[in-house]
Protein backbone atom coordinates (compact mmCIF):
# COMPACT_ATOMS: atom_id res chain seq x y z
CA UNK A 1 -0.13 0.13 -0.03
CA UNK A 2 1.52 3.46 -1.25
CA UNK A 3 1.65 6.43 1.27
CA UNK A 4 -1.37 8.10 0.19
CA UNK A 5 -3.66 5.21 0.18
CA UNK A 6 -2.32 4.43 3.90
CA UNK A 7 -3.07 7.93 5.10
CA UNK A 8 -6.59 7.76 3.47
CA UNK A 9 -7.33 4.37 5.17
CA UNK A 10 -6.07 5.97 8.50
CA UNK A 11 -8.29 8.94 8.05
CA UNK A 12 -11.45 6.97 6.88
CA UNK A 13 -11.07 5.18 9.94
CA UNK A 14 -11.03 8.09 12.26
CA UNK A 15 -14.06 10.04 10.69
CA UNK A 16 -16.34 9.56 13.24
CA UNK A 17 -13.79 10.91 15.77
CA UNK A 18 -13.22 14.00 13.93
CA UNK A 19 -16.54 14.97 13.49
CA UNK A 20 -17.39 14.12 17.27
CA UNK A 21 -14.68 16.11 18.37
CA UNK A 22 -15.85 19.20 16.43
CA UNK A 23 -19.34 18.76 17.64
CA UNK A 24 -17.91 19.05 21.27
CA UNK A 25 -16.07 22.22 20.52
CA UNK A 26 -19.21 23.54 19.22
CA UNK A 27 -21.18 22.68 22.20
CA UNK A 28 -18.51 24.66 24.35
CA UNK A 29 -19.48 28.51 24.03
CA UNK A 30 -16.10 30.18 23.57
CA UNK A 31 -16.31 33.74 22.78
CA UNK A 32 -13.13 36.01 23.09
CA UNK A 33 -11.54 36.16 26.62
CA UNK A 34 -14.10 32.87 27.47
CA UNK A 35 -11.90 30.01 26.26
CA UNK A 36 -10.86 28.02 29.19
CA UNK A 37 -13.36 25.27 28.66
CA UNK A 38 -12.84 24.67 25.08
CA UNK A 39 -8.98 24.65 25.81
CA UNK A 40 -9.44 21.90 28.50
CA UNK A 41 -11.37 19.87 26.09
CA UNK A 42 -8.71 20.07 23.30
CA UNK A 43 -6.00 19.18 26.01
CA UNK A 44 -7.94 16.04 26.45
CA UNK A 45 -7.89 15.32 22.82
CA UNK A 46 -4.09 15.72 22.33
CA UNK A 47 -3.48 13.41 25.10
CA UNK A 48 -5.94 10.75 23.63
CA UNK A 49 -4.09 11.61 19.99
CA UNK A 50 -0.71 10.94 21.43
CA UNK A 51 0.69 14.52 20.97
CA UNK A 52 4.53 14.76 22.06
CA UNK A 53 4.31 17.98 23.91
CA UNK A 54 1.23 20.33 24.92
CA UNK A 55 1.70 23.98 26.46
CA UNK A 56 -0.76 26.09 27.44
CA UNK A 57 1.14 29.72 27.76
CA UNK A 58 0.31 32.65 29.91
CA UNK A 59 -2.28 33.93 27.43
CA UNK A 60 -4.21 30.70 27.45
CA UNK A 61 -3.15 29.67 23.95
CA UNK A 62 -2.92 26.04 23.54
CA UNK A 63 0.20 24.52 21.49
CA UNK A 64 0.62 20.58 20.60
CA UNK A 65 3.40 19.07 19.00
CA UNK A 66 4.02 15.95 16.88
CA UNK A 67 7.60 15.16 15.59
CA UNK A 68 10.86 16.28 16.80
CA UNK A 69 12.72 17.31 13.53
CA UNK A 70 14.68 20.41 13.04
CA UNK A 71 11.87 21.70 10.49
CA UNK A 72 9.45 23.54 12.72
CA UNK A 73 6.32 25.01 11.36
CA UNK A 74 2.53 25.32 12.63
CA UNK A 75 -1.11 25.10 11.99
CA UNK A 76 -3.27 28.04 13.46
CA UNK A 77 -6.66 27.79 14.27
CA UNK A 78 -8.73 30.25 16.63
CA UNK A 79 -10.74 28.46 18.91
CA UNK A 80 -12.70 31.64 20.36
CA UNK A 81 -15.89 32.72 18.18
CA UNK A 82 -18.34 35.78 18.00
CA UNK A 83 -21.59 35.40 19.97
CA UNK A 84 -24.76 34.62 18.26
CA UNK A 85 -26.48 38.02 17.75
CA UNK A 86 -30.06 37.94 17.74
CA UNK A 87 -31.19 34.20 18.52
CA UNK A 88 -34.47 34.29 16.60
CA UNK A 89 -32.46 34.38 13.37
CA UNK A 90 -31.13 30.99 14.06
CA UNK A 91 -33.03 27.68 12.89
CA UNK A 92 -31.51 25.82 15.41
CA UNK A 93 -29.36 25.86 18.53
CA UNK A 94 -26.26 27.26 17.82
CA UNK A 95 -24.27 25.39 20.59
CA UNK A 96 -25.84 21.91 20.27
CA UNK A 97 -23.35 20.37 17.72
CA UNK A 98 -26.18 19.50 15.50
CA UNK A 99 -25.52 17.15 12.58
CA UNK A 100 -26.94 15.32 9.34
CA UNK A 101 -25.67 13.39 6.77
CA UNK A 102 -23.97 16.38 5.00
CA UNK A 103 -23.33 19.08 7.42
CA UNK A 104 -22.36 19.87 11.03
CA UNK A 105 -24.30 23.07 12.39
CA UNK A 106 -23.46 25.61 15.04
CA UNK A 107 -21.34 28.64 15.80
CA UNK A 108 -17.85 28.29 15.00
CA UNK A 109 -18.34 25.29 12.63
CA UNK A 110 -16.75 27.20 9.89
CA UNK A 111 -15.10 30.05 11.57
CA UNK A 112 -13.16 28.26 12.64
CA UNK A 113 -13.54 25.42 14.98
CA UNK A 114 -14.08 23.11 11.99
CA UNK A 115 -10.49 24.19 10.56
CA UNK A 116 -8.91 23.68 13.91
CA UNK A 117 -10.48 20.19 14.58
CA UNK A 118 -9.29 19.07 10.93
CA UNK A 119 -5.64 20.34 11.38
CA UNK A 120 -5.45 18.59 14.74
CA UNK A 121 -6.50 15.51 13.26
CA UNK A 122 -4.15 15.53 10.33
CA UNK A 123 -1.20 16.34 12.62
CA UNK A 124 -2.11 13.05 14.55
CA UNK A 125 -2.65 11.49 11.37
CA UNK A 126 0.61 12.51 10.12
CA UNK A 127 2.44 11.30 13.07
CA UNK A 128 0.68 7.75 12.78
CA UNK A 129 1.44 7.61 9.21
CA UNK A 130 5.13 8.24 9.73
CA UNK A 131 4.95 11.47 7.83
CA UNK A 132 7.06 13.61 10.29
CA UNK A 133 10.77 12.61 9.39
CA UNK A 134 12.97 15.56 10.07
CA UNK A 135 9.61 17.74 11.26
CA UNK A 136 8.49 19.15 14.31
CA UNK A 137 4.76 20.23 13.73
CA UNK A 138 2.80 22.43 15.97
CA UNK A 139 -0.93 22.82 16.25
CA UNK A 140 -1.80 26.01 17.89
CA UNK A 141 -5.31 26.77 19.27
CA UNK A 142 -5.28 30.36 19.65
CA UNK A 143 -7.45 32.65 21.60
CA UNK A 144 -9.10 36.55 21.29
CA UNK A 145 -8.56 36.39 17.55
CA UNK A 146 -12.12 37.89 17.30
CA UNK A 147 -11.54 40.54 19.79
CA UNK A 148 -7.92 41.46 18.30
CA UNK A 149 -6.45 39.29 15.45
CA UNK A 150 -2.97 38.53 15.80
CA UNK A 151 -2.58 39.34 19.53
CA UNK A 152 -2.17 35.51 20.53
CA UNK A 153 0.67 35.30 17.78
CA UNK A 154 2.13 38.63 18.92
CA UNK A 155 2.39 36.84 22.38
CA UNK A 156 3.55 33.32 21.22
CA UNK A 157 6.35 34.68 18.98
CA UNK A 158 7.84 37.61 21.40
CA UNK A 159 7.75 35.13 24.36
CA UNK A 160 9.47 32.60 21.80
CA UNK A 161 7.25 29.87 22.82
CA UNK A 162 7.84 28.53 19.39
CA UNK A 163 9.52 30.09 16.30
CA UNK A 164 8.15 28.39 13.24
CA UNK A 165 9.50 28.64 9.79
CA UNK A 166 6.18 29.12 8.49
CA UNK A 167 2.54 28.81 9.26
CA UNK A 168 -0.66 27.36 7.85
CA UNK A 169 -3.84 29.51 8.66
CA UNK A 170 -6.98 27.05 8.79
CA UNK A 171 -9.58 29.84 8.49
CA UNK A 172 -12.36 28.88 6.12
CA UNK A 173 -11.20 28.92 2.28
CA UNK A 174 -13.59 26.30 0.89
CA UNK A 175 -10.39 24.17 0.20
CA UNK A 176 -8.85 26.77 -1.78
CA UNK A 177 -5.15 28.23 -1.03
CA UNK A 178 -5.16 31.84 0.25
CA UNK A 179 -1.92 34.03 0.00
CA UNK A 180 -2.68 37.20 2.05
CA UNK A 181 -5.40 39.94 2.67
CA UNK A 182 -5.98 43.20 3.18
CA UNK A 183 -5.06 44.90 6.69
CA UNK A 184 -7.01 46.95 8.88
CA UNK A 185 -7.14 49.28 11.59
CA UNK A 186 -9.96 51.03 13.90
CA UNK A 187 -10.00 54.37 14.05
CA UNK A 188 -11.95 57.15 16.43
CA UNK A 189 -12.76 60.62 15.46
CA UNK A 190 -13.74 62.94 18.11
CA UNK A 191 -15.32 66.60 17.74
CA UNK A 192 -16.18 68.71 20.74
CA UNK A 193 -18.88 71.47 20.99
CA UNK A 194 -20.26 73.80 23.65
CA UNK A 195 -23.70 72.56 25.12
CA UNK A 196 -26.76 75.23 25.42
CA UNK A 197 -30.56 74.88 26.18
CA UNK A 198 -32.33 73.29 23.34
CA UNK A 199 -34.61 76.23 23.19
CA UNK A 200 -31.83 78.61 22.15
CA UNK A 201 -29.49 76.44 20.20
CA UNK A 202 -27.77 79.45 18.58
CA UNK A 203 -26.09 80.06 21.99
CA UNK A 204 -24.10 76.57 21.68
CA UNK A 205 -21.83 74.87 19.15
CA UNK A 206 -23.58 71.37 18.15
CA UNK A 207 -20.91 68.83 17.81
CA UNK A 208 -23.24 66.35 16.01
CA UNK A 209 -23.52 69.02 13.03
CA UNK A 210 -19.66 69.14 13.04
CA UNK A 211 -19.71 65.50 12.67
CA UNK A 212 -22.33 65.56 9.80
CA UNK A 213 -19.76 67.30 7.60
CA UNK A 214 -17.12 64.99 8.62
CA UNK A 215 -19.37 61.87 7.79
CA UNK A 216 -19.80 63.33 4.15
CA UNK A 217 -16.14 63.49 3.68
CA UNK A 218 -15.32 60.17 4.87
CA UNK A 219 -18.19 58.45 2.46
CA UNK A 220 -16.30 60.53 -0.40
CA UNK A 221 -13.10 59.59 0.82
CA UNK A 222 -13.95 56.09 0.57
CA UNK A 223 -14.63 56.12 -2.98
CA UNK A 224 -11.01 57.46 -3.86
CA UNK A 225 -8.77 55.10 -1.36
CA UNK A 226 -6.10 53.11 -3.10
CA UNK A 227 -6.65 49.96 -5.56
CA UNK A 228 -4.31 46.97 -5.69
CA UNK A 229 -4.67 44.37 -8.51
CA UNK A 230 -4.56 41.40 -6.20
CA UNK A 231 -6.16 42.43 -2.84
CA UNK A 232 -8.47 44.88 -4.23
CA UNK A 233 -9.47 48.57 -2.58
CA UNK A 234 -8.77 50.14 0.25
CA UNK A 235 -12.11 50.95 2.21
CA UNK A 236 -13.58 52.70 5.03
CA UNK A 237 -16.85 52.91 6.72
CA UNK A 238 -18.07 54.21 9.86
CA UNK A 239 -19.40 51.48 12.01
CA UNK A 240 -20.46 53.35 15.32
CA UNK A 241 -21.64 57.00 16.60
CA UNK A 242 -21.64 58.32 19.97
CA UNK A 243 -22.56 61.69 21.57
CA UNK A 244 -22.26 63.49 24.83
CA UNK A 245 -25.06 65.94 25.88
CA UNK A 246 -26.50 67.22 29.16
CA UNK A 247 -30.06 66.28 28.21
CA UNK A 248 -32.42 65.60 25.29
CA UNK A 249 -33.23 69.45 26.02
CA UNK A 250 -29.60 70.77 25.20
CA UNK A 251 -27.26 71.08 22.32
CA UNK A 252 -24.88 68.15 22.01
CA UNK A 253 -21.09 69.19 22.99
CA UNK A 254 -19.43 66.12 22.03
CA UNK A 255 -19.54 63.63 19.08
CA UNK A 256 -17.31 60.32 18.28
CA UNK A 257 -17.33 58.03 15.40
CA UNK A 258 -15.58 54.71 14.93
CA UNK A 259 -14.20 54.11 11.27
CA UNK A 260 -13.54 50.56 10.16
CA UNK A 261 -10.71 50.81 7.53
CA UNK A 262 -9.59 48.10 5.51
CA UNK A 263 -5.80 48.44 4.16
CA UNK A 264 -4.83 47.50 0.68
CA UNK A 265 -1.34 46.78 -0.42
CA UNK A 266 1.00 50.16 0.09
CA UNK A 267 -1.21 51.69 2.58
CA UNK A 268 -0.13 52.16 6.36
CA UNK A 269 -1.63 53.25 9.60
CA UNK A 270 0.18 56.60 9.02
CA UNK A 271 -1.26 57.12 5.64
CA UNK A 272 -4.84 56.10 6.62
CA UNK A 273 -4.70 58.43 9.74
CA UNK A 274 -3.17 60.96 7.76
CA UNK A 275 -6.01 61.04 4.87
CA UNK A 276 -8.52 61.56 7.66
CA UNK A 277 -6.51 64.51 9.20
CA UNK A 278 -6.42 66.00 6.10
CA UNK A 279 -9.97 66.51 5.56
CA UNK A 280 -11.24 70.25 5.33
CA UNK A 281 -13.95 69.58 8.01
CA UNK A 282 -11.72 67.55 10.25
CA UNK A 283 -9.19 70.63 10.21
CA UNK A 284 -11.76 73.07 10.58
CA UNK A 285 -13.58 71.46 13.55
CA UNK A 286 -10.48 70.75 15.31
CA UNK A 287 -11.32 67.01 15.48
CA UNK A 288 -8.98 64.47 17.20
CA UNK A 289 -7.98 61.60 14.86
CA UNK A 290 -6.74 58.42 16.86
CA UNK A 291 -6.44 54.80 16.59
CA UNK A 292 -8.34 52.70 19.20
CA UNK A 293 -6.09 50.30 21.55
CA UNK A 294 -7.15 46.96 22.87
CA UNK A 295 -6.45 45.85 26.48
CA UNK A 296 -8.93 43.01 27.42
CA UNK A 297 -7.96 40.58 30.21
CA UNK A 298 -7.33 37.04 28.55
CA UNK A 299 -9.22 34.28 30.73
CA UNK A 300 -5.87 33.53 32.13
CA UNK A 301 -5.87 37.14 33.51
CA UNK A 302 -3.16 38.21 31.33
CA UNK A 303 -3.45 42.04 30.08
CA UNK A 304 -1.74 42.92 26.64
CA UNK A 305 -2.33 46.56 25.57
CA UNK A 306 -2.11 46.95 21.83
CA UNK A 307 -2.86 49.53 18.96
CA UNK A 308 -5.63 48.11 16.84
CA UNK A 309 -3.52 47.95 13.74
CA UNK A 310 -3.32 44.96 12.02
CA UNK A 311 -1.01 45.06 8.67
CA UNK A 312 -1.80 43.71 5.17
CA UNK A 313 0.22 40.60 3.96
CA UNK A 314 0.96 38.75 1.14
CA UNK A 315 2.73 35.87 0.07
CA UNK A 316 4.19 35.87 -3.59
CA UNK A 317 2.00 33.21 -5.93
CA UNK A 318 5.53 31.46 -6.97
CA UNK A 319 6.52 30.76 -3.22
CA UNK A 320 7.72 27.53 -2.17
CA UNK A 321 4.76 27.52 0.48
CA UNK A 322 2.09 28.39 -2.34
CA UNK A 323 3.40 25.34 -4.06
CA UNK A 324 3.50 22.94 -1.29
CA UNK A 325 -0.30 23.74 -0.29
CA UNK A 326 -1.04 23.50 -3.78
CA UNK A 327 0.69 20.29 -4.40
CA UNK A 328 -0.99 18.53 -0.86
CA UNK A 329 -4.40 19.77 -2.28
CA UNK A 330 -3.98 18.08 -5.70
CA UNK A 331 -2.91 14.82 -4.02
CA UNK A 332 -5.88 14.77 -1.86
CA UNK A 333 -8.60 16.40 -4.04
CA UNK A 334 -7.60 15.44 -7.36
CA UNK A 335 -7.63 19.24 -8.60
CA UNK A 336 -5.55 22.33 -8.73
CA UNK A 337 -7.35 24.85 -6.15
CA UNK A 338 -7.90 28.37 -6.76
CA UNK A 339 -4.94 30.66 -5.34
CA UNK A 340 -6.69 33.57 -3.87
CA UNK A 341 -7.20 35.85 -0.70
CA UNK A 342 -9.54 36.23 2.07
CA UNK A 343 -12.13 39.33 2.33
CA UNK A 344 -11.48 39.13 6.26
CA UNK A 345 -8.61 39.52 8.34
CA UNK A 346 -6.73 36.55 10.17
CA UNK A 347 -3.81 36.01 12.37
CA UNK A 348 -1.50 36.33 9.54
CA UNK A 349 -1.64 40.11 10.32
CA UNK A 350 0.82 39.22 13.08
CA UNK A 351 2.79 36.15 11.95
CA UNK A 352 3.60 37.75 8.57
CA UNK A 353 2.65 41.29 8.83
CA UNK A 354 4.45 42.11 11.86
CA UNK A 355 7.05 39.19 12.14
CA UNK A 356 7.64 38.16 8.74
CA UNK A 357 7.00 34.58 8.93
CA UNK A 358 5.43 33.21 5.77
CA UNK A 359 1.58 32.27 6.21
CA UNK A 360 -0.65 30.20 3.80
CA UNK A 361 -4.26 29.85 4.36
CA UNK A 362 -6.20 26.58 3.84
CA UNK A 363 -9.25 25.49 5.40
CA UNK A 364 -12.39 23.81 5.38
CA UNK A 365 -15.79 25.84 5.42
CA UNK A 366 -16.99 28.95 3.64
CA UNK A 367 -15.97 32.54 4.39
CA UNK A 368 -19.38 33.85 4.09
CA UNK A 369 -20.47 31.53 6.83
CA UNK A 370 -18.05 33.60 9.29
CA UNK A 371 -20.28 35.38 11.97
CA UNK A 372 -23.75 34.57 10.26
CA UNK A 373 -26.70 32.92 11.74
CA UNK A 374 -27.06 29.12 10.94
CA UNK A 375 -23.58 28.42 10.58
CA UNK A 376 -22.38 25.09 9.14
CA UNK A 377 -19.69 23.11 7.51
CA UNK A 378 -19.54 20.09 5.25
CA UNK A 379 -18.61 17.01 6.37
CA UNK A 380 -16.71 16.20 3.12
CA UNK A 381 -14.75 19.32 3.35
CA UNK A 382 -13.86 18.61 6.91
CA UNK A 383 -12.41 15.31 6.11
CA UNK A 384 -10.67 16.46 2.87
CA UNK A 385 -8.99 18.93 4.91
CA UNK A 386 -7.74 16.57 7.55
CA UNK A 387 -6.10 14.50 4.53
CA UNK A 388 -4.31 17.66 3.16
CA UNK A 389 -2.82 18.76 6.75
CA UNK A 390 -1.79 15.01 7.12
CA UNK A 391 0.43 15.22 4.11
CA UNK A 392 1.82 18.44 4.11
CA UNK A 393 4.65 17.55 6.55
CA UNK A 394 5.67 14.80 4.07
CA UNK A 395 5.89 17.54 1.22
CA UNK A 396 7.47 20.19 3.32
CA UNK A 397 10.52 18.13 5.08
CA UNK A 398 13.57 19.30 3.82
CA UNK A 399 12.11 20.60 0.66
CA UNK A 400 11.52 17.11 -0.56
CA UNK A 401 8.96 16.27 -3.03
CA UNK A 402 6.39 13.59 -2.33
CA UNK A 403 7.66 9.84 -2.89
CA UNK A 404 5.10 7.41 -3.20
CA UNK A 405 6.17 3.68 -2.15
């Protein structure tokens, strides 16, 4: 039996285990900063699957290793999810791990507990099939990604918990291969006014009116932002608005907005802030333009204050990392996958965007399922992903090509 068929056989024998583990993960609610229980469940599975080393770091990320070779790389899957939103939009309970013949359902099925479950089992199968000669493969269950993408990997890399040569991001790609995405940042714009009685508004200076002019200019600015042939256009949208006023019968003396800014290739935090500061309405109103910071406490009690800036990153389409993923997919899927990009943001903003460690994206599930009600994942995609993750080490080690017995 050749190596590929042997891996197929092992994976098929573990199909029920993979699906059951994913259903368990979905059943444990694990919004950002509330991941402790799901980490405990993951540790149990790593022990059952005979991982060689298991680490839970100070932030609460869980890292499991198989193999002990000199070539070190990692699979990353964030194990936190967003909440469910308005529950009336759901046709089933989001935390029951519902399944049928084709799908597993629930919050996190695609984004992205499905990707994590499949890479965990892919690594375990790689060990069982003997695909780890010369390789140390880490599976990382990362926390707080939904709140602050990349913070988990800033911690891992700055603490030198592991130092991988490259990382496969298991966010949903529909079993295609993704090589980058736009960056993003969270910006706050604030203006001040002077309150007065609402019966005599001319005595005051209305901050909401000042902000109205800024909002109009921001709408126009969005239309003229930079465009990149691969990543597409930079964008901005106003996502929140706040005000201060002594009462409903008074002129508003403060107004602030949040801006979600997506950065295409060549845009930076300085250029994005500068474009807003240069708007006529901003300069005339004396508005303050600043970046938000994030400082939420992890479930372990660790606080890390960082700017809400998440850099753009792209891996060249001719890189060896793209080649490894494409070949792995061809071996398992019998087709060459699409080489593309995410619309949303991932932990790649820190791994490659900040630390310059190459990342490639590959995962089961669909991007459009992320953060949506009635989230689900195809069981067939889940198992195909397991098999791709299982053979990546064989193709990666020492830069050698796949050799069938």
